[in-house]
Amino acid sequence: MLDRAIVLIGNAPLALAGLARMIIHGEVRPRLVIAMPVGFVNVVESKQLIMQTEVPHIVLRGTARRQPPGCGGPARDDGERKQIA
């Protein structure tokens, strides 16, 4: 079912790690993996696993959950400010 599919994994690092293992073992071959899990548990490891595969991938870097204002949740204020011209 995942062969030649575009797979998007949002908030599930364990699902991403499982998919990476399935790819490594030759069980599935997605066309593209978009990996966007956030948080702190197994996030870095799962992203590293998918980046080690031969499958094209887009990986959201970082670990902390940050949502821009107005996107359904509070944004974490870490003091970083960007000026928009």
Protein backbone atom coordinates (compact mmCIF):
# COMPACT_ATOMS: atom_id res chain seq x y z
CA MET A 1 0.00 0.00 0.00
CA LEU A 2 2.93 2.36 0.59
CA ASP A 3 4.86 1.38 -2.52
CA ARG A 4 5.16 4.38 -4.86
CA ALA A 5 3.05 6.46 -2.44
CA ILE A 6 3.83 9.88 -1.04
CA VAL A 7 3.93 9.39 2.73
CA LEU A 8 3.47 12.28 5.15
CA ILE A 9 4.14 11.65 8.83
CA GLY A 10 3.22 14.59 11.00
CA ASN A 11 3.31 14.00 14.73
CA ALA A 12 4.41 10.37 15.12
CA PRO A 13 8.16 9.77 15.37
CA LEU A 14 7.65 6.07 16.10
CA ALA A 15 5.63 5.69 12.88
CA LEU A 16 8.46 7.40 10.98
CA ALA A 17 11.04 5.07 12.54
CA GLY A 18 8.87 2.07 11.66
CA LEU A 19 8.53 3.26 8.08
CA ALA A 20 12.31 3.77 7.84
CA ARG A 21 12.90 0.22 9.08
CA MET A 22 10.41 -1.14 6.53
CA ILE A 23 12.26 0.74 3.78
CA ILE A 24 15.65 -0.51 4.99
CA HIS A 25 14.36 -4.12 4.99
CA GLY A 26 12.95 -3.71 1.48
CA GLU A 27 9.33 -4.16 2.55
CA VAL A 28 8.08 -0.87 1.05
CA ARG A 29 9.39 1.76 -1.37
CA PRO A 30 7.51 5.09 -1.12
CA ARG A 31 7.95 7.66 -3.89
CA LEU A 32 8.56 10.41 -1.28
CA VAL A 33 8.57 10.66 2.51
CA ILE A 34 7.71 13.96 4.18
CA ALA A 35 8.79 13.76 7.81
CA MET A 36 7.53 16.44 10.16
CA PRO A 37 7.36 14.95 13.67
CA VAL A 38 8.06 17.34 16.50
CA GLY A 39 8.73 16.92 20.20
CA PHE A 40 11.58 15.37 22.11
CA VAL A 41 11.08 11.57 22.25
CA ASN A 42 12.70 9.65 19.37
CA VAL A 43 12.35 12.61 17.01
CA VAL A 44 16.01 13.05 16.08
CA GLU A 45 16.58 9.31 15.79
CA SER A 46 13.56 8.74 13.53
CA LYS A 47 14.56 11.59 11.23
CA GLN A 48 18.12 10.30 11.03
CA LEU A 49 16.81 6.85 10.11
CA ILE A 50 14.73 8.15 7.21
CA MET A 51 17.63 10.30 5.98
CA GLN A 52 19.80 7.16 5.76
CA THR A 53 17.47 5.55 3.24
CA GLU A 54 17.64 5.91 -0.54
CA VAL A 55 14.03 7.16 -0.67
CA PRO A 56 13.62 10.86 -1.53
CA HIS A 57 12.60 12.73 1.60
CA ILE A 58 11.77 16.12 3.03
CA VAL A 59 12.60 16.39 6.73
CA LEU A 60 11.60 19.16 9.11
CA ARG A 61 14.74 19.99 11.11
CA GLY A 62 14.71 20.51 14.86
CA THR A 63 12.93 18.97 17.82
CA ALA A 64 10.88 21.60 19.65
CA ARG A 65 7.22 22.10 18.89
CA ARG A 66 6.66 25.62 17.64
CA GLN A 67 3.52 26.86 15.98
CA PRO A 68 3.15 30.32 14.54
CA PRO A 69 0.41 32.47 16.08
CA GLY A 70 -3.01 31.73 14.61
CA CYS A 71 -2.22 28.12 13.66
CA GLY A 72 -4.29 26.37 16.28
CA GLY A 73 -2.01 26.53 19.28
CA PRO A 74 0.17 28.80 21.35
CA ALA A 75 3.59 29.68 19.98
CA ARG A 76 6.57 29.17 22.23
CA ASP A 77 8.25 32.48 22.85
CA ASP A 78 12.00 31.89 22.89
CA GLY A 79 12.85 35.56 22.41
CA GLU A 80 13.64 35.16 18.72
CA ARG A 81 12.22 37.95 16.61
CA LYS A 82 12.27 38.40 12.87
CA GLN A 83 11.45 41.66 11.21
CA ILE A 84 9.18 41.43 8.20
CA ALA A 85 9.63 44.18 5.65
